[in-house]
PDB file of N, CA and C in Angstrom:
ATOM      1  N   MET A   1     129.837  63.490 100.888  1.00  0.00           N
ATOM      2  CA  MET A   1     129.450  64.042  99.615  1.00  0.00           C
ATOM      3  C   MET A   1     128.364  65.172  99.829  1.00  0.00           C
ATOM      4  N   PRO A   2     128.802  65.944  99.005  1.00  0.00           N
ATOM      5  CA  PRO A   2     128.263  67.380  99.192  1.00  0.00           C
ATOM      6  C   PRO A   2     126.631  67.231  99.123  1.00  0.00           C
ATOM      7  N   THR A   3     125.797  68.199  99.674  1.00  0.00           N
ATOM      8  CA  THR A   3     124.158  68.120  99.501  1.00  0.00           C
ATOM      9  C   THR A   3     123.963  68.677  98.159  1.00  0.00           C
ATOM     10  N   MET A   4     123.106  68.042  97.723  1.00  0.00           N
ATOM     11  CA  MET A   4     122.586  68.674  96.190  1.00  0.00           C
ATOM     12  C   MET A   4     121.608  69.353  95.813  1.00  0.00           C
ATOM     13  N   TYR A   5     121.292  70.383  95.459  1.00  0.00           N
ATOM     14  CA  TYR A   5     119.897  71.326  95.590  1.00  0.00           C
ATOM     15  C   TYR A   5     119.752  71.358  93.961  1.00  0.00           C
ATOM     16  N   THR A   6     118.533  71.776  93.862  1.00  0.00           N
ATOM     17  CA  THR A   6     118.159  72.117  92.542  1.00  0.00           C
ATOM     18  C   THR A   6     117.663  73.812  92.068  1.00  0.00           C
ATOM     19  N   CYS A   7     118.521  73.977  90.847  1.00  0.00           N
ATOM     20  CA  CYS A   7     118.122  75.654  90.734  1.00  0.00           C
ATOM     21  C   CYS A   7     116.904  75.742  90.195  1.00  0.00           C
ATOM     22  N   SER A   8     116.317  76.683  91.320  1.00  0.00           N
ATOM     23  CA  SER A   8     115.018  77.317  90.657  1.00  0.00           C
ATOM     24  C   SER A   8     115.048  78.772  90.192  1.00  0.00           C
ATOM     25  N   PHE A   9     115.863  79.044  89.494  1.00  0.00           N
ATOM     26  CA  PHE A   9     115.805  80.467  88.844  1.00  0.00           C
ATOM     27  C   PHE A   9     114.893  80.456  87.692  1.00  0.00           C
ATOM     28  N   VAL A  10     114.152  81.490  87.972  1.00  0.00           N
ATOM     29  CA  VAL A  10     112.914  81.643  86.865  1.00  0.00           C
ATOM     30  C   VAL A  10     113.695  82.553  85.508  1.00  0.00           C
ATOM     31  N   ASP A  11     113.435  82.090  84.454  1.00  0.00           N
ATOM     32  CA  ASP A  11     114.163  82.828  83.203  1.00  0.00           C
ATOM     33  C   ASP A  11     113.022  83.914  82.752  1.00  0.00           C
ATOM     34  N   TYR A  12     113.558  84.878  82.047  1.00  0.00           N
ATOM     35  CA  TYR A  12     112.450  85.603  81.265  1.00  0.00           C
ATOM     36  C   TYR A  12     111.729  85.161  80.563  1.00  0.00           C
ATOM     37  N   SER A  13     111.489  83.980  80.485  1.00  0.00           N
ATOM     38  CA  SER A  13     110.759  83.070  79.464  1.00  0.00           C
ATOM     39  C   SER A  13     109.620  82.707  80.302  1.00  0.00           C
ATOM     40  N   GLY A  14     109.720  82.386  81.849  1.00  0.00           N
ATOM     41  CA  GLY A  14     109.128  81.984  82.482  1.00  0.00           C
ATOM     42  C   GLY A  14     109.394  80.698  82.898  1.00  0.00           C
ATOM     43  N   GLU A  15     110.735  79.684  82.334  1.00  0.00           N
ATOM     44  CA  GLU A  15     110.935  78.752  82.669  1.00  0.00           C
ATOM     45  C   GLU A  15     111.823  78.538  83.957  1.00  0.00           C
ATOM     46  N   ILE A  16     111.853  77.309  84.580  1.00  0.00           N
ATOM     47  CA  ILE A  16     112.777  77.038  85.889  1.00  0.00           C
ATOM     48  C   ILE A  16     113.843  76.392  85.019  1.00  0.00           C
ATOM     49  N   CYS A  17     114.829  76.492  85.724  1.00  0.00           N
ATOM     50  CA  CYS A  17     116.256  76.091  85.536  1.00  0.00           C
ATOM     51  C   CYS A  17     116.025  74.439  85.579  1.00  0.00           C
ATOM     52  N   MET A  18     115.808  74.270  86.811  1.00  0.00           N
ATOM     53  CA  MET A  18     116.321  72.946  87.724  1.00  0.00           C
ATOM     54  C   MET A  18     117.308  72.070  87.222  1.00  0.00           C
ATOM     55  N   ARG A  19     118.504  72.991  87.049  1.00  0.00           N
ATOM     56  CA  ARG A  19     119.776  72.068  87.061  1.00  0.00           C
ATOM     57  C   ARG A  19     119.784  71.481  88.570  1.00  0.00           C
ATOM     58  N   ARG A  20     120.543  70.412  88.672  1.00  0.00           N
ATOM     59  CA  ARG A  20     121.454  70.201  89.728  1.00  0.00           C
ATOM     60  C   ARG A  20     122.731  70.893  90.242  1.00  0.00           C
ATOM     61  N   CYS A  21     122.797  70.967  91.286  1.00  0.00           N
ATOM     62  CA  CYS A  21     123.735  72.077  91.909  1.00  0.00           C
ATOM     63  C   CYS A  21     124.196  71.670  93.534  1.00  0.00           C
ATOM     64  N   THR A  22     125.558  72.285  93.835  1.00  0.00           N
ATOM     65  CA  THR A  22     125.864  72.194  94.929  1.00  0.00           C
ATOM     66  C   THR A  22     125.523  73.434  96.073  1.00  0.00           C
ATOM     67  N   ARG A  23     124.956  74.454  95.248  1.00  0.00           N
ATOM     68  CA  ARG A  23     125.076  75.690  95.908  1.00  0.00           C
ATOM     69  C   ARG A  23     123.708  76.017  96.404  1.00  0.00           C
ATOM     70  N   SER A  24     122.874  76.381  97.149  1.00  0.00           N
ATOM     71  CA  SER A  24     121.779  76.955  97.441  1.00  0.00           C
ATOM     72  C   SER A  24     121.206  77.762  96.674  1.00  0.00           C
ATOM     73  N   ALA A  25     122.207  78.816  96.613  1.00  0.00           N
ATOM     74  CA  ALA A  25     121.828  79.892  95.651  1.00  0.00           C
ATOM     75  C   ALA A  25     121.384  79.732  94.200  1.00  0.00           C
ATOM     76  N   GLY A  26     122.058  78.518  93.517  1.00  0.00           N
ATOM     77  CA  GLY A  26     121.559  78.427  92.338  1.00  0.00           C
ATOM     78  C   GLY A  26     122.758  77.681  91.559  1.00  0.00           C
ATOM     79  N   CYS A  27     122.635  77.273  90.362  1.00  0.00           N
ATOM     80  CA  CYS A  27     123.588  76.616  89.666  1.00  0.00           C
ATOM     81  C   CYS A  27     124.525  77.703  89.261  1.00  0.00           C
ATOM     82  N   CYS A  28     125.613  76.781  88.490  1.00  0.00           N
ATOM     83  CA  CYS A  28     127.145  77.643  88.457  1.00  0.00           C
ATOM     84  C   CYS A  28     126.653  78.794  87.283  1.00  0.00           C
ATOM     85  N   PHE A  29     125.238  78.862  86.481  1.00  0.00           N
ATOM     86  CA  PHE A  29     125.347  80.072  85.515  1.00  0.00           C
ATOM     87  C   PHE A  29     124.244  81.017  86.290  1.00  0.00           C
ATOM     88  N   TYR A  30     123.360  80.921  87.205  1.00  0.00           N
ATOM     89  CA  TYR A  30     122.551  81.773  88.026  1.00  0.00           C
ATOM     90  C   TYR A  30     122.681  82.076  88.995  1.00  0.00           C
ATOM     91  N   TYR A  31     123.681  81.489  89.705  1.00  0.00           N
ATOM     92  CA  TYR A  31     123.938  81.998  91.387  1.00  0.00           C
ATOM     93  C   TYR A  31     124.263  83.437  91.786  1.00  0.00           C
ATOM     94  N   LYS A  32     124.789  83.810  90.639  1.00  0.00           N
ATOM     95  CA  LYS A  32     124.920  85.693  91.059  1.00  0.00           C
ATOM     96  C   LYS A  32     123.898  86.504  90.299  1.00  0.00           C
ATOM     97  N   ALA A  33     123.003  85.961  89.828  1.00  0.00           N
ATOM     98  CA  ALA A  33     121.969  86.263  88.868  1.00  0.00           C
ATOM     99  C   ALA A  33     120.984  87.524  90.052  1.00  0.00           C
ATOM    100  N   LEU A  34     120.258  88.419  89.694  1.00  0.00           N
ATOM    101  CA  LEU A  34     119.499  88.963  90.498  1.00  0.00           C
ATOM    102  C   LEU A  34     118.286  88.464  90.602  1.00  0.00           C
ATOM    103  N   ALA A  35     117.763  88.387  91.857  1.00  0.00           N
ATOM    104  CA  ALA A  35     116.336  88.185  91.995  1.00  0.00           C
ATOM    105  C   ALA A  35     115.235  88.464  91.413  1.00  0.00           C
ATOM    106  N   HIS A  36     114.056  88.272  90.971  1.00  0.00           N
ATOM    107  CA  HIS A  36     113.116  88.959  90.501  1.00  0.00           C
ATOM    108  C   HIS A  36     112.334  89.562  91.882  1.00  0.00           C
ATOM    109  N   ASN A  37     111.966  90.852  91.865  1.00  0.00           N
ATOM    110  CA  ASN A  37     111.306  91.357  92.596  1.00  0.00           C
ATOM    111  C   ASN A  37     109.733  91.892  92.114  1.00  0.00           C
ATOM    112  N   PRO A  38     108.749  92.041  92.796  1.00  0.00           N
ATOM    113  CA  PRO A  38     107.699  92.296  92.076  1.00  0.00           C
ATOM    114  C   PRO A  38     107.589  94.006  91.870  1.00  0.00           C
ATOM    115  N   CYS A  39     107.139  94.597  90.555  1.00  0.00           N
ATOM    116  CA  CYS A  39     106.684  95.949  90.987  1.00  0.00           C
ATOM    117  C   CYS A  39     105.754  96.584  91.901  1.00  0.00           C
ATOM    118  N   SER A  40     106.487  97.523  92.483  1.00  0.00           N
ATOM    119  CA  SER A  40     105.317  98.266  93.531  1.00  0.00           C
ATOM    120  C   SER A  40     104.295  98.901  92.975  1.00  0.00           C
ATOM    121  N   GLU A  41     103.981  98.861  91.793  1.00  0.00           N
ATOM    122  CA  GLU A  41     102.890  99.135  91.359  1.00  0.00           C
ATOM    123  C   GLU A  41     101.930  98.468  90.449  1.00  0.00           C
ATOM    124  N   CYS A  42     102.467  97.583  89.757  1.00  0.00           N
ATOM    125  CA  CYS A  42     101.409  96.440  89.377  1.00  0.00           C
ATOM    126  C   CYS A  42     101.579  94.701  89.381  1.00  0.00           C
ATOM    127  N   GLY A  43     102.811  94.852  90.314  1.00  0.00           N
ATOM    128  CA  GLY A  43     103.248  93.223  90.919  1.00  0.00           C
ATOM    129  C   GLY A  43     103.900  92.386  89.702  1.00  0.00           C
ATOM    130  N   LYS A  44     104.049  93.135  88.617  1.00  0.00           N
ATOM    131  CA  LYS A  44     104.876  91.967  87.786  1.00  0.00           C
ATOM    132  C   LYS A  44     106.248  91.900  88.223  1.00  0.00           C
ATOM    133  N   PRO A  45     107.044  90.666  87.790  1.00  0.00           N
ATOM    134  CA  PRO A  45     108.191  90.165  88.176  1.00  0.00           C
ATOM    135  C   PRO A  45     109.535  91.241  87.332  1.00  0.00           C
ATOM    136  N   THR A  46     110.322  91.839  88.212  1.00  0.00           N
ATOM    137  CA  THR A  46     111.142  92.989  87.683  1.00  0.00           C
ATOM    138  C   THR A  46     112.430  92.816  88.509  1.00  0.00           C
ATOM    139  N   ARG A  47     113.738  93.058  87.522  1.00  0.00           N
ATOM    140  CA  ARG A  47     115.059  93.060  88.131  1.00  0.00           C
ATOM    141  C   ARG A  47     115.532  94.316  88.585  1.00  0.00           C
ATOM    142  N   SER A  48     114.761  95.498  88.277  1.00  0.00           N
ATOM    143  CA  SER A  48     114.938  96.661  88.414  1.00  0.00           C
ATOM    144  C   SER A  48     115.851  96.961  90.116  1.00  0.00           C
ATOM    145  N   ILE A  49     116.342  98.347  90.025  1.00  0.00           N
ATOM    146  CA  ILE A  49     116.854  98.220  91.612  1.00  0.00           C
ATOM    147  C   ILE A  49     115.906  98.968  92.124  1.00  0.00           C
ATOM    148  N   SER A  50     115.095  99.789  91.061  1.00  0.00           N
ATOM    149  CA  SER A  50     113.983 100.821  91.874  1.00  0.00           C
ATOM    150  C   SER A  50     112.777 100.351  92.435  1.00  0.00           C
ATOM    151  N   GLY A  51     112.723  98.638  91.830  1.00  0.00           N
ATOM    152  CA  GLY A  51     111.271  97.969  91.957  1.00  0.00           C
ATOM    153  C   GLY A  51     110.416  98.234  91.003  1.00  0.00           C
ATOM    154  N   ARG A  52     110.533  98.938  90.170  1.00  0.00           N
ATOM    155  CA  ARG A  52     109.066  99.198  88.999  1.00  0.00           C
ATOM    156  C   ARG A  52     109.514  98.675  87.751  1.00  0.00           C
ATOM    157  N   CYS A  53     108.538  98.314  87.078  1.00  0.00           N
ATOM    158  CA  CYS A  53     108.568  97.670  85.823  1.00  0.00           C
ATOM    159  C   CYS A  53     108.583  98.621  84.765  1.00  0.00           C
ATOM    160  N   GLN A  54     109.323  98.531  83.448  1.00  0.00           N
ATOM    161  CA  GLN A  54     109.172  99.495  82.427  1.00  0.00           C
ATOM    162  C   GLN A  54     108.217 100.313  82.325  1.00  0.00           C
ATOM    163  N   ALA A  55     106.927  99.597  82.513  1.00  0.00           N
ATOM    164  CA  ALA A  55     105.732 100.592  82.232  1.00  0.00           C
ATOM    165  C   ALA A  55     105.254 101.674  83.281  1.00  0.00           C
ATOM    166  N   HIS A  56     106.117 101.485  84.456  1.00  0.00           N
ATOM    167  CA  HIS A  56     105.827 102.318  85.671  1.00  0.00           C
ATOM    168  C   HIS A  56     107.023 103.126  86.012  1.00  0.00           C
ATOM    169  N   ILE A  57     108.337 103.000  85.437  1.00  0.00           N
ATOM    170  CA  ILE A  57     109.549 103.671  86.011  1.00  0.00           C
ATOM    171  C   ILE A  57     109.620 104.942  85.820  1.00  0.00           C
ATOM    172  N   ARG A  58     108.906 105.452  84.565  1.00  0.00           N
ATOM    173  CA  ARG A  58     108.847 106.974  84.668  1.00  0.00           C
ATOM    174  C   ARG A  58     108.445 107.832  85.644  1.00  0.00           C
ATOM    175  N   SER A  59     107.537 107.281  86.343  1.00  0.00           N
ATOM    176  CA  SER A  59     107.175 108.212  87.730  1.00  0.00           C
ATOM    177  C   SER A  59     108.010 108.346  88.612  1.00  0.00           C
ATOM    178  N   PHE A  60     108.769 106.911  88.834  1.00  0.00           N
ATOM    179  CA  PHE A  60     110.284 107.243  89.660  1.00  0.00           C
ATOM    180  C   PHE A  60     110.920 108.052  89.404  1.00  0.00           C
ATOM    181  N   TYR A  61     111.316 108.432  87.916  1.00  0.00           N
ATOM    182  CA  TYR A  61     112.312 109.232  87.547  1.00  0.00           C
ATOM    183  C   TYR A  61     111.843 110.716  87.770  1.00  0.00           C
ATOM    184  N   VAL A  62     110.862 111.026  87.228  1.00  0.00           N
ATOM    185  CA  VAL A  62     110.092 112.213  87.375  1.00  0.00           C
ATOM    186  C   VAL A  62     109.991 112.801  88.750  1.00  0.00           C
ATOM    187  N   GLY A  63     109.765 112.041  89.624  1.00  0.00           N
ATOM    188  CA  GLY A  63     109.716 112.009  90.796  1.00  0.00           C
ATOM    189  C   GLY A  63     110.935 112.808  91.512  1.00  0.00           C
ATOM    190  N   ARG A  64     112.476 111.900  91.460  1.00  0.00           N
ATOM    191  CA  ARG A  64     113.528 112.281  91.409  1.00  0.00           C
ATOM    192  C   ARG A  64     113.854 113.640  91.052  1.00  0.00           C
ATOM    193  N   TYR A  65     113.720 113.796  89.682  1.00  0.00           N
ATOM    194  CA  TYR A  65     113.701 114.964  88.822  1.00  0.00           C
ATOM    195  C   TYR A  65     113.415 116.036  89.843  1.00  0.00           C
ATOM    196  N   TYR A  66     112.103 115.910  89.986  1.00  0.00           N
ATOM    197  CA  TYR A  66     111.382 116.993  90.744  1.00  0.00           C
ATOM    198  C   TYR A  66     111.780 117.571  92.008  1.00  0.00           C
ATOM    199  N   GLN A  67     112.036 116.399  93.006  1.00  0.00           N
ATOM    200  CA  GLN A  67     113.143 116.491  94.257  1.00  0.00           C
ATOM    201  C   GLN A  67     114.613 117.471  94.118  1.00  0.00           C
ATOM    202  N   LYS A  68     115.088 116.826  92.977  1.00  0.00           N
ATOM    203  CA  LYS A  68     116.267 117.313  92.734  1.00  0.00           C
ATOM    204  C   LYS A  68     116.365 118.971  92.282  1.00  0.00           C
ATOM    205  N   HIS A  69     115.498 119.235  91.612  1.00  0.00           N
ATOM    206  CA  HIS A  69     115.295 120.835  91.491  1.00  0.00           C
ATOM    207  C   HIS A  69     114.622 121.629  92.585  1.00  0.00           C
ATOM    208  N   LEU A  70     113.634 121.019  93.325  1.00  0.00           N
ATOM    209  CA  LEU A  70     113.315 121.716  94.517  1.00  0.00           C
ATOM    210  C   LEU A  70     114.406 121.776  95.419  1.00  0.00           C
ATOM    211  N   LYS A  71     114.973 121.217  95.888  1.00  0.00           N
ATOM    212  CA  LYS A  71     116.404 120.963  96.648  1.00  0.00           C
ATOM    213  C   LYS A  71     117.103 122.134  95.924  1.00  0.00           C
ATOM    214  N   LYS A  72     117.691 122.590  94.952  1.00  0.00           N
ATOM    215  CA  LYS A  72     118.037 123.364  94.023  1.00  0.00           C
ATOM    216  C   LYS A  72     117.262 124.678  94.599  1.00  0.00           C
ATOM    217  N   LYS A  73     116.217 124.801  94.188  1.00  0.00           N
ATOM    218  CA  LYS A  73     115.504 126.154  94.611  1.00  0.00           C
ATOM    219  C   LYS A  73     115.711 126.383  96.173  1.00  0.00           C
ATOM    220  N   ARG A  74     115.561 125.344  96.751  1.00  0.00           N
ATOM    221  CA  ARG A  74     115.606 125.781  98.570  1.00  0.00           C
ATOM    222  C   ARG A  74     117.133 126.264  99.193  1.00  0.00           C
ATOM    223  N   VAL A  75     117.821 125.946  98.419  1.00  0.00           N
ATOM    224  CA  VAL A  75     119.398 126.283  98.570  1.00  0.00           C
ATOM    225  C   VAL A  75     119.564 127.559  97.839  1.00  0.00           C
ATOM    226  N   LEU A  76     119.071 127.850  96.801  1.00  0.00           N
ATOM    227  CA  LEU A  76     119.038 129.491  96.321  1.00  0.00           C
ATOM    228  C   LEU A  76     118.480 130.576  97.111  1.00  0.00           C
ATOM    229  N   VAL A  77     117.202 129.918  97.562  1.00  0.00           N
ATOM    230  CA  VAL A  77     116.356 130.705  98.276  1.00  0.00           C
ATOM    231  C   VAL A  77     117.304 131.292  99.741  1.00  0.00           C
ATOM    232  N   GLN A  78     117.705 129.993 100.292  1.00  0.00           N
ATOM    233  CA  GLN A  78     118.648 130.348 101.384  1.00  0.00           C
ATOM    234  C   GLN A  78     119.567 131.075 101.655  1.00  0.00           C
ATOM    235  N   LEU A  79     120.594 130.778 100.110  1.00  0.00           N
ATOM    236  CA  LEU A  79     121.832 131.663  99.642  1.00  0.00           C
ATOM    237  C   LEU A  79     121.107 133.125  99.499  1.00  0.00           C
ATOM    238  N   TRP A  80     120.356 133.513  99.169  1.00  0.00           N
ATOM    239  CA  TRP A  80     119.856 134.772  98.635  1.00  0.00           C
ATOM    240  C   TRP A  80     119.172 135.649 100.100  1.00  0.00           C
ATOM    241  N   LEU A  81     118.560 134.732 100.987  1.00  0.00           N
ATOM    242  CA  LEU A  81     118.059 134.944 102.293  1.00  0.00           C
ATOM    243  C   LEU A  81     119.479 135.813 103.078  1.00  0.00           C
ATOM    244  N   GLU A  82     120.758 134.952 102.847  1.00  0.00           N
ATOM    245  CA  GLU A  82     121.478 135.198 103.760  1.00  0.00           C
ATOM    246  C   GLU A  82     122.147 136.710 103.671  1.00  0.00           C
TER     247      GLU A  82
END
């Protein structure tokens, strides 16, 4: 007899699934779902790869945009100096 687990997936509404399942990762609906990680700024649960919620994601993309253009500028200066 397989070991039975309880699915502990937390939905967007804040409810826990609590279905019985044979996988330790979760039930048949949620075993592939991404885990909630806390936002690096406010601690709110998010599934974003960057680790930031919608309210704080802008600073992440602004920083990436700035670094991309700074790198381009350095390459152009190096080419100009050669």
